[in-house]
């Protein structure tokens, strides 16, 4: 079995959950995912936030997306 791993960052002004969903949704549209297989697992590597004017402006999560 061969597994490909793509690392990406998702973001959202709403929450980390929305950032994670955006990362998976956007990655699933990449040509490699459309031609090589299905996403089988997502590993969250880290959570971060962007700050503007001393307030959280964006939630970010770095993820590994695995496909077979």
Protein backbone atom coordinates (compact mmCIF):
# COMPACT_ATOMS: atom_id res chain seq x y z
CA UNK A 1 0.00 0.00 0.00
CA UNK A 2 1.25 3.48 -0.89
CA UNK A 3 0.07 6.50 1.07
CA UNK A 4 0.65 10.08 -0.01
CA UNK A 5 0.80 12.84 2.59
CA UNK A 6 0.08 16.48 1.81
CA UNK A 7 0.65 19.14 4.46
CA UNK A 8 -1.48 22.27 4.28
CA UNK A 9 -2.90 25.08 6.40
CA UNK A 10 -6.58 25.90 6.71
CA UNK A 11 -7.90 29.19 8.04
CA UNK A 12 -11.16 30.74 9.14
CA UNK A 13 -12.25 33.88 10.97
CA UNK A 14 -14.79 31.77 12.90
CA UNK A 15 -13.08 28.80 14.63
CA UNK A 16 -10.43 26.08 14.46
CA UNK A 17 -13.12 23.59 13.46
CA UNK A 18 -14.03 25.75 10.45
CA UNK A 19 -10.32 26.16 9.62
CA UNK A 20 -9.90 22.37 9.65
CA UNK A 21 -12.96 21.90 7.45
CA UNK A 22 -11.62 24.52 5.01
CA UNK A 23 -8.24 22.76 4.83
CA UNK A 24 -9.86 19.43 3.94
CA UNK A 25 -12.41 20.97 1.54
CA UNK A 26 -9.76 22.96 -0.33
CA UNK A 27 -7.30 20.05 -0.48
CA UNK A 28 -9.96 17.73 -1.87
CA UNK A 29 -10.20 20.05 -4.89
CA UNK A 30 -6.49 19.71 -5.74
CA UNK A 31 -5.71 17.66 -8.87
CA UNK A 32 -3.66 15.09 -6.92
CA UNK A 33 -6.67 14.20 -4.77
CA UNK A 34 -8.99 14.02 -7.75
CA UNK A 35 -6.69 11.71 -9.74
CA UNK A 36 -4.88 9.60 -7.13
CA UNK A 37 -7.42 8.54 -4.53
CA UNK A 38 -9.50 9.44 -1.55
CA UNK A 39 -8.61 11.22 1.66
CA UNK A 40 -8.35 8.55 4.35
CA UNK A 41 -7.08 10.48 7.37
CA UNK A 42 -6.29 13.99 8.58
CA UNK A 43 -3.72 14.62 11.31
CA UNK A 44 -3.80 18.04 12.97
CA UNK A 45 -0.19 19.19 13.50
CA UNK A 46 -0.78 22.56 15.18
CA UNK A 47 -3.28 25.30 15.98
CA UNK A 48 -2.44 29.00 15.60
CA UNK A 49 -4.25 32.32 15.53
CA UNK A 50 -3.65 35.58 13.72
CA UNK A 51 -4.04 38.74 15.81
CA UNK A 52 -4.96 42.26 14.72
CA UNK A 53 -5.48 45.17 17.12
CA UNK A 54 -5.00 42.80 20.08
CA UNK A 55 -7.92 40.61 18.97
CA UNK A 56 -7.99 37.23 17.27
CA UNK A 57 -8.64 37.81 13.59
CA UNK A 58 -8.13 34.34 12.12
CA UNK A 59 -7.91 30.75 13.33
CA UNK A 60 -5.38 28.51 11.56
CA UNK A 61 -4.61 24.81 11.70
CA UNK A 62 -1.72 22.99 10.05
CA UNK A 63 -2.74 19.51 8.92
CA UNK A 64 -1.36 16.42 7.20
CA UNK A 65 -3.84 14.95 4.75
CA UNK A 66 -3.33 11.28 3.84
CA UNK A 67 -4.69 9.59 0.76
CA UNK A 68 -4.54 6.11 -0.67
